[in-house]
């Protein structure tokens, strides 16, 4: 494992957002959803592609708090420009389980 400096970690903007829309993303190479995530007034709503179809339905995602990196440059994914990276962990079967706050926190709150 490569060690990083504290300054490296502080450059990553991990923020809490709420999924406000989720829909299938059939143009993605691997099964994915197109998400719109609201990070509050300062950051606003950002789009993301998330390969989380094994454990979540679009309906189960709307209203869910998620943790995402908001300071990566936009990335073209098929016909969509992804504006943030929603985080998660692979389980033993390779399915992605979202990284989520345990309790309600204000949108846009930064993880530190």
N, C-alpha and C. Protein backbone atom coordinates (compact mmCIF):
# COMPACT_ATOMS: atom_id res chain seq x y z
N UNK A 1 0.84 -1.17 0.00
CA UNK A 1 0.00 0.00 0.00
C UNK A 1 0.89 1.24 0.00
N UNK A 2 0.59 2.15 -0.92
CA UNK A 2 1.35 3.39 -0.99
C UNK A 2 0.81 4.38 0.04
N UNK A 3 1.71 4.96 0.83
CA UNK A 3 1.30 5.96 1.80
C UNK A 3 1.20 7.32 1.12
N UNK A 4 0.24 8.12 1.58
CA UNK A 4 0.08 9.48 1.06
C UNK A 4 0.23 10.46 2.21
N UNK A 5 0.44 11.70 1.85
CA UNK A 5 0.55 12.76 2.85
C UNK A 5 -0.84 13.30 3.15
N UNK A 6 -1.00 13.92 4.30
CA UNK A 6 -2.29 14.52 4.68
C UNK A 6 -2.76 15.51 3.62
N UNK A 7 -1.83 16.27 3.06
CA UNK A 7 -2.19 17.25 2.02
C UNK A 7 -2.80 16.57 0.79
N UNK A 8 -2.35 15.35 0.47
CA UNK A 8 -2.94 14.61 -0.65
C UNK A 8 -4.41 14.32 -0.36
N UNK A 9 -4.70 13.86 0.85
CA UNK A 9 -6.08 13.53 1.22
C UNK A 9 -6.98 14.77 1.21
N UNK A 10 -6.46 15.89 1.69
CA UNK A 10 -7.29 17.09 1.77
C UNK A 10 -7.66 17.65 0.40
N UNK A 11 -6.97 17.22 -0.64
CA UNK A 11 -7.31 17.67 -1.99
C UNK A 11 -8.58 17.01 -2.52
N UNK A 12 -8.94 15.85 -1.97
CA UNK A 12 -10.11 15.11 -2.43
C UNK A 12 -11.35 15.66 -1.74
N UNK A 13 -12.29 16.17 -2.53
CA UNK A 13 -13.54 16.73 -2.00
C UNK A 13 -14.60 15.63 -1.96
N UNK A 14 -14.69 14.93 -0.84
CA UNK A 14 -15.73 13.93 -0.62
C UNK A 14 -16.90 14.64 0.06
N UNK A 15 -18.03 14.68 -0.61
CA UNK A 15 -19.19 15.42 -0.11
C UNK A 15 -20.43 14.54 -0.07
N UNK A 16 -21.36 14.90 0.81
CA UNK A 16 -22.64 14.21 0.92
C UNK A 16 -23.64 14.86 -0.03
N UNK A 17 -24.33 14.01 -0.77
CA UNK A 17 -25.39 14.48 -1.65
C UNK A 17 -26.59 13.57 -1.57
N UNK A 18 -27.72 14.04 -2.08
CA UNK A 18 -28.95 13.24 -2.10
C UNK A 18 -29.31 12.94 -3.55
N UNK A 19 -29.55 11.67 -3.84
CA UNK A 19 -29.97 11.28 -5.18
C UNK A 19 -31.38 11.83 -5.42
N UNK A 20 -31.50 12.66 -6.46
CA UNK A 20 -32.81 13.25 -6.78
C UNK A 20 -33.43 12.61 -8.02
N UNK A 21 -32.63 11.89 -8.79
CA UNK A 21 -33.15 11.17 -9.96
C UNK A 21 -32.20 10.02 -10.28
N UNK A 22 -32.80 8.90 -10.72
CA UNK A 22 -32.01 7.72 -11.11
C UNK A 22 -32.76 7.01 -12.22
N UNK A 23 -32.02 6.64 -13.25
CA UNK A 23 -32.64 5.94 -14.37
C UNK A 23 -31.64 5.00 -15.01
N UNK A 24 -32.11 3.97 -15.68
CA UNK A 24 -31.18 3.07 -16.38
C UNK A 24 -30.33 3.85 -17.38
N UNK A 25 -29.12 3.36 -17.59
CA UNK A 25 -28.17 3.98 -18.52
C UNK A 25 -27.76 2.90 -19.53
N UNK A 26 -28.65 2.60 -20.49
CA UNK A 26 -28.40 1.49 -21.42
C UNK A 26 -27.18 1.69 -22.32
N UNK A 27 -26.73 2.92 -22.51
CA UNK A 27 -25.57 3.18 -23.37
C UNK A 27 -24.24 2.87 -22.68
N UNK A 28 -24.25 2.64 -21.37
CA UNK A 28 -23.00 2.34 -20.65
C UNK A 28 -22.49 0.95 -21.04
N UNK A 29 -21.19 0.78 -21.01
CA UNK A 29 -20.58 -0.51 -21.37
C UNK A 29 -20.97 -1.62 -20.41
N UNK A 30 -21.00 -1.29 -19.11
CA UNK A 30 -21.43 -2.23 -18.07
C UNK A 30 -22.74 -1.70 -17.49
N UNK A 31 -23.58 -2.59 -16.96
CA UNK A 31 -24.86 -2.12 -16.41
C UNK A 31 -24.65 -0.98 -15.40
N UNK A 32 -25.39 0.11 -15.61
CA UNK A 32 -25.22 1.30 -14.77
C UNK A 32 -26.51 2.10 -14.73
N UNK A 33 -26.55 3.03 -13.80
CA UNK A 33 -27.63 4.01 -13.72
C UNK A 33 -27.05 5.39 -13.96
N UNK A 34 -27.89 6.27 -14.51
CA UNK A 34 -27.59 7.69 -14.61
C UNK A 34 -28.21 8.33 -13.36
N UNK A 35 -27.39 9.00 -12.58
CA UNK A 35 -27.87 9.62 -11.35
C UNK A 35 -27.75 11.13 -11.44
N UNK A 36 -28.67 11.80 -10.76
CA UNK A 36 -28.54 13.23 -10.49
C UNK A 36 -28.49 13.35 -8.97
N UNK A 37 -27.43 13.99 -8.48
CA UNK A 37 -27.18 14.07 -7.05
C UNK A 37 -27.13 15.54 -6.64
N UNK A 38 -27.94 15.89 -5.65
CA UNK A 38 -28.00 17.27 -5.14
C UNK A 38 -27.03 17.41 -3.97
N UNK A 39 -26.04 18.31 -4.12
CA UNK A 39 -25.05 18.56 -3.08
C UNK A 39 -25.31 19.88 -2.35
N UNK A 40 -26.50 20.42 -2.48
CA UNK A 40 -26.82 21.65 -1.77
C UNK A 40 -26.51 22.88 -2.58
N UNK A 41 -26.76 24.03 -1.96
CA UNK A 41 -26.67 25.32 -2.63
C UNK A 41 -25.31 25.63 -3.22
N UNK A 42 -24.24 25.34 -2.49
CA UNK A 42 -22.89 25.71 -2.92
C UNK A 42 -22.45 24.96 -4.20
N UNK A 43 -22.78 23.68 -4.29
CA UNK A 43 -22.31 22.84 -5.40
C UNK A 43 -23.42 22.58 -6.41
N UNK A 44 -24.63 22.41 -5.95
CA UNK A 44 -25.76 22.16 -6.85
C UNK A 44 -25.93 20.69 -7.20
N UNK A 45 -26.64 20.43 -8.28
CA UNK A 45 -26.93 19.07 -8.74
C UNK A 45 -25.87 18.65 -9.75
N UNK A 46 -25.32 17.46 -9.55
CA UNK A 46 -24.31 16.92 -10.46
C UNK A 46 -24.78 15.58 -11.00
N UNK A 47 -24.34 15.25 -12.23
CA UNK A 47 -24.67 13.97 -12.86
C UNK A 47 -23.55 12.97 -12.61
N UNK A 48 -23.95 11.69 -12.53
CA UNK A 48 -22.96 10.62 -12.36
C UNK A 48 -23.48 9.34 -12.98
N UNK A 49 -22.57 8.52 -13.46
CA UNK A 49 -22.88 7.16 -13.90
C UNK A 49 -22.41 6.23 -12.80
N UNK A 50 -23.28 5.32 -12.36
CA UNK A 50 -22.91 4.44 -11.25
C UNK A 50 -23.25 2.99 -11.59
N UNK A 51 -22.26 2.13 -11.46
CA UNK A 51 -22.45 0.70 -11.73
C UNK A 51 -22.91 0.00 -10.46
N UNK A 52 -24.16 0.28 -10.09
CA UNK A 52 -24.72 -0.22 -8.83
C UNK A 52 -26.03 -0.97 -9.05
N UNK A 53 -26.22 -1.51 -10.26
CA UNK A 53 -27.49 -2.13 -10.62
C UNK A 53 -27.74 -3.45 -9.91
N UNK A 54 -26.70 -4.12 -9.41
CA UNK A 54 -26.89 -5.43 -8.78
C UNK A 54 -27.62 -5.33 -7.44
N UNK A 55 -27.41 -4.26 -6.71
CA UNK A 55 -27.99 -4.15 -5.36
C UNK A 55 -29.08 -3.07 -5.24
N UNK A 56 -29.25 -2.24 -6.26
CA UNK A 56 -30.18 -1.12 -6.15
C UNK A 56 -31.07 -1.03 -7.38
N UNK A 57 -32.28 -0.57 -7.17
CA UNK A 57 -33.18 -0.21 -8.28
C UNK A 57 -33.21 1.30 -8.35
N UNK A 58 -33.59 1.87 -9.49
CA UNK A 58 -33.67 3.33 -9.56
C UNK A 58 -34.58 3.92 -8.47
N UNK A 59 -35.70 3.26 -8.21
CA UNK A 59 -36.65 3.76 -7.22
C UNK A 59 -36.05 3.77 -5.81
N UNK A 60 -35.21 2.76 -5.50
CA UNK A 60 -34.62 2.69 -4.16
C UNK A 60 -33.53 3.74 -3.95
N UNK A 61 -33.02 4.30 -5.03
CA UNK A 61 -31.94 5.28 -4.93
C UNK A 61 -32.43 6.70 -4.69
N UNK A 62 -33.60 7.04 -5.22
CA UNK A 62 -34.12 8.40 -5.08
C UNK A 62 -34.37 8.71 -3.61
N UNK A 63 -33.76 9.79 -3.14
CA UNK A 63 -33.87 10.20 -1.74
C UNK A 63 -32.72 9.71 -0.87
N UNK A 64 -31.89 8.81 -1.38
CA UNK A 64 -30.79 8.24 -0.60
C UNK A 64 -29.61 9.22 -0.55
N UNK A 65 -29.02 9.34 0.65
CA UNK A 65 -27.78 10.11 0.79
C UNK A 65 -26.62 9.25 0.31
N UNK A 66 -25.68 9.87 -0.39
CA UNK A 66 -24.49 9.18 -0.89
C UNK A 66 -23.26 10.05 -0.64
N UNK A 67 -22.09 9.45 -0.72
CA UNK A 67 -20.83 10.17 -0.62
C UNK A 67 -20.17 10.12 -1.99
N UNK A 68 -19.75 11.28 -2.47
CA UNK A 68 -19.17 11.35 -3.81
C UNK A 68 -17.98 12.31 -3.85
N UNK A 69 -17.07 12.04 -4.78
CA UNK A 69 -15.97 12.96 -5.05
C UNK A 69 -16.51 13.99 -6.03
N UNK A 70 -16.42 15.26 -5.68
CA UNK A 70 -16.99 16.32 -6.52
C UNK A 70 -15.94 17.18 -7.22
N UNK A 71 -14.65 16.89 -7.00
CA UNK A 71 -13.64 17.73 -7.64
C UNK A 71 -12.76 16.99 -8.64
N UNK A 72 -13.25 15.87 -9.19
CA UNK A 72 -12.62 15.29 -10.37
C UNK A 72 -13.06 16.10 -11.58
N UNK A 73 -12.26 16.15 -12.63
CA UNK A 73 -12.74 16.81 -13.84
C UNK A 73 -13.88 15.99 -14.44
N UNK A 74 -14.81 16.62 -15.16
CA UNK A 74 -15.89 15.87 -15.82
C UNK A 74 -15.31 14.79 -16.73
N UNK A 75 -16.04 13.67 -16.83
CA UNK A 75 -15.57 12.54 -17.64
C UNK A 75 -16.70 12.09 -18.55
N UNK A 76 -16.38 11.96 -19.83
CA UNK A 76 -17.37 11.50 -20.81
C UNK A 76 -17.58 10.00 -20.65
N UNK A 77 -18.82 9.60 -20.40
CA UNK A 77 -19.17 8.19 -20.29
C UNK A 77 -20.31 7.97 -21.28
N UNK A 78 -19.99 7.39 -22.42
CA UNK A 78 -21.00 7.25 -23.48
C UNK A 78 -21.49 8.64 -23.86
N UNK A 79 -22.81 8.81 -23.95
CA UNK A 79 -23.35 10.11 -24.33
C UNK A 79 -23.48 11.10 -23.16
N UNK A 80 -23.04 10.70 -21.97
CA UNK A 80 -23.23 11.53 -20.77
C UNK A 80 -21.90 12.04 -20.24
N UNK A 81 -21.90 13.26 -19.72
CA UNK A 81 -20.73 13.82 -19.06
C UNK A 81 -20.93 13.63 -17.55
N UNK A 82 -20.11 12.76 -16.94
CA UNK A 82 -20.20 12.51 -15.51
C UNK A 82 -19.48 13.64 -14.78
N UNK A 83 -20.13 14.18 -13.74
CA UNK A 83 -19.61 15.35 -13.03
C UNK A 83 -19.17 15.05 -11.60
N UNK A 84 -19.37 13.82 -11.14
CA UNK A 84 -18.93 13.43 -9.81
C UNK A 84 -18.79 11.91 -9.77
N UNK A 85 -18.09 11.39 -8.77
CA UNK A 85 -17.90 9.96 -8.62
C UNK A 85 -18.55 9.51 -7.32
N UNK A 86 -19.65 8.77 -7.44
CA UNK A 86 -20.34 8.23 -6.28
C UNK A 86 -19.51 7.05 -5.77
N UNK A 87 -19.28 6.98 -4.45
CA UNK A 87 -18.39 5.98 -3.88
C UNK A 87 -19.13 4.76 -3.36
N UNK A 88 -18.42 3.64 -3.34
CA UNK A 88 -18.98 2.40 -2.82
C UNK A 88 -17.89 1.37 -2.65
N UNK A 89 -18.30 0.20 -2.13
CA UNK A 89 -17.38 -0.90 -1.87
C UNK A 89 -17.88 -2.15 -2.57
N UNK A 90 -16.97 -2.96 -3.11
CA UNK A 90 -17.34 -4.24 -3.69
C UNK A 90 -17.54 -5.25 -2.57
N UNK A 91 -18.65 -6.01 -2.63
CA UNK A 91 -18.85 -7.08 -1.66
C UNK A 91 -18.14 -8.34 -2.17
N UNK A 92 -18.28 -9.44 -1.46
CA UNK A 92 -17.59 -10.69 -1.82
C UNK A 92 -17.99 -11.17 -3.21
N UNK A 93 -19.18 -10.81 -3.67
CA UNK A 93 -19.65 -11.21 -4.99
C UNK A 93 -19.34 -10.22 -6.08
N UNK A 94 -18.63 -9.13 -5.74
CA UNK A 94 -18.27 -8.12 -6.73
C UNK A 94 -19.34 -7.05 -6.95
N UNK A 95 -20.43 -7.11 -6.19
CA UNK A 95 -21.49 -6.09 -6.33
C UNK A 95 -21.10 -4.86 -5.52
N UNK A 96 -21.49 -3.69 -6.03
CA UNK A 96 -21.11 -2.44 -5.37
C UNK A 96 -22.18 -2.02 -4.37
N UNK A 97 -21.74 -1.82 -3.13
CA UNK A 97 -22.58 -1.32 -2.05
C UNK A 97 -22.17 0.13 -1.80
N UNK A 98 -23.13 1.05 -1.85
CA UNK A 98 -22.83 2.47 -1.71
C UNK A 98 -22.25 2.82 -0.35
N UNK A 99 -21.37 3.80 -0.35
CA UNK A 99 -20.85 4.40 0.87
C UNK A 99 -21.84 5.50 1.25
N UNK A 100 -22.50 5.34 2.40
CA UNK A 100 -23.55 6.28 2.79
C UNK A 100 -23.38 6.70 4.24
N UNK A 101 -23.80 7.93 4.58
CA UNK A 101 -23.76 8.33 6.00
C UNK A 101 -24.82 7.56 6.78
N UNK A 102 -24.53 7.26 8.01
CA UNK A 102 -25.46 6.51 8.85
C UNK A 102 -26.65 7.37 9.29
N UNK A 103 -26.42 8.67 9.41
CA UNK A 103 -27.47 9.59 9.87
C UNK A 103 -27.63 10.74 8.87
N UNK A 104 -28.72 11.44 8.98
CA UNK A 104 -28.98 12.61 8.13
C UNK A 104 -27.94 13.69 8.42
N UNK A 105 -27.33 14.21 7.36
CA UNK A 105 -26.39 15.33 7.48
C UNK A 105 -26.72 16.33 6.38
N UNK A 106 -26.35 17.60 6.55
CA UNK A 106 -26.66 18.61 5.53
C UNK A 106 -26.00 18.29 4.20
N UNK A 107 -26.73 18.55 3.11
CA UNK A 107 -26.17 18.33 1.76
C UNK A 107 -24.93 19.18 1.57
N UNK A 108 -23.93 18.59 0.95
CA UNK A 108 -22.67 19.30 0.70
C UNK A 108 -21.65 19.16 1.80
N UNK A 109 -22.01 18.53 2.94
CA UNK A 109 -21.07 18.36 4.02
C UNK A 109 -19.85 17.58 3.53
N UNK A 110 -18.67 18.06 3.88
CA UNK A 110 -17.42 17.44 3.45
C UNK A 110 -16.97 16.39 4.43
N UNK A 111 -16.51 15.27 3.93
CA UNK A 111 -15.92 14.23 4.76
C UNK A 111 -14.51 14.64 5.11
N UNK A 112 -14.19 14.57 6.38
CA UNK A 112 -12.83 14.87 6.85
C UNK A 112 -12.41 13.86 7.88
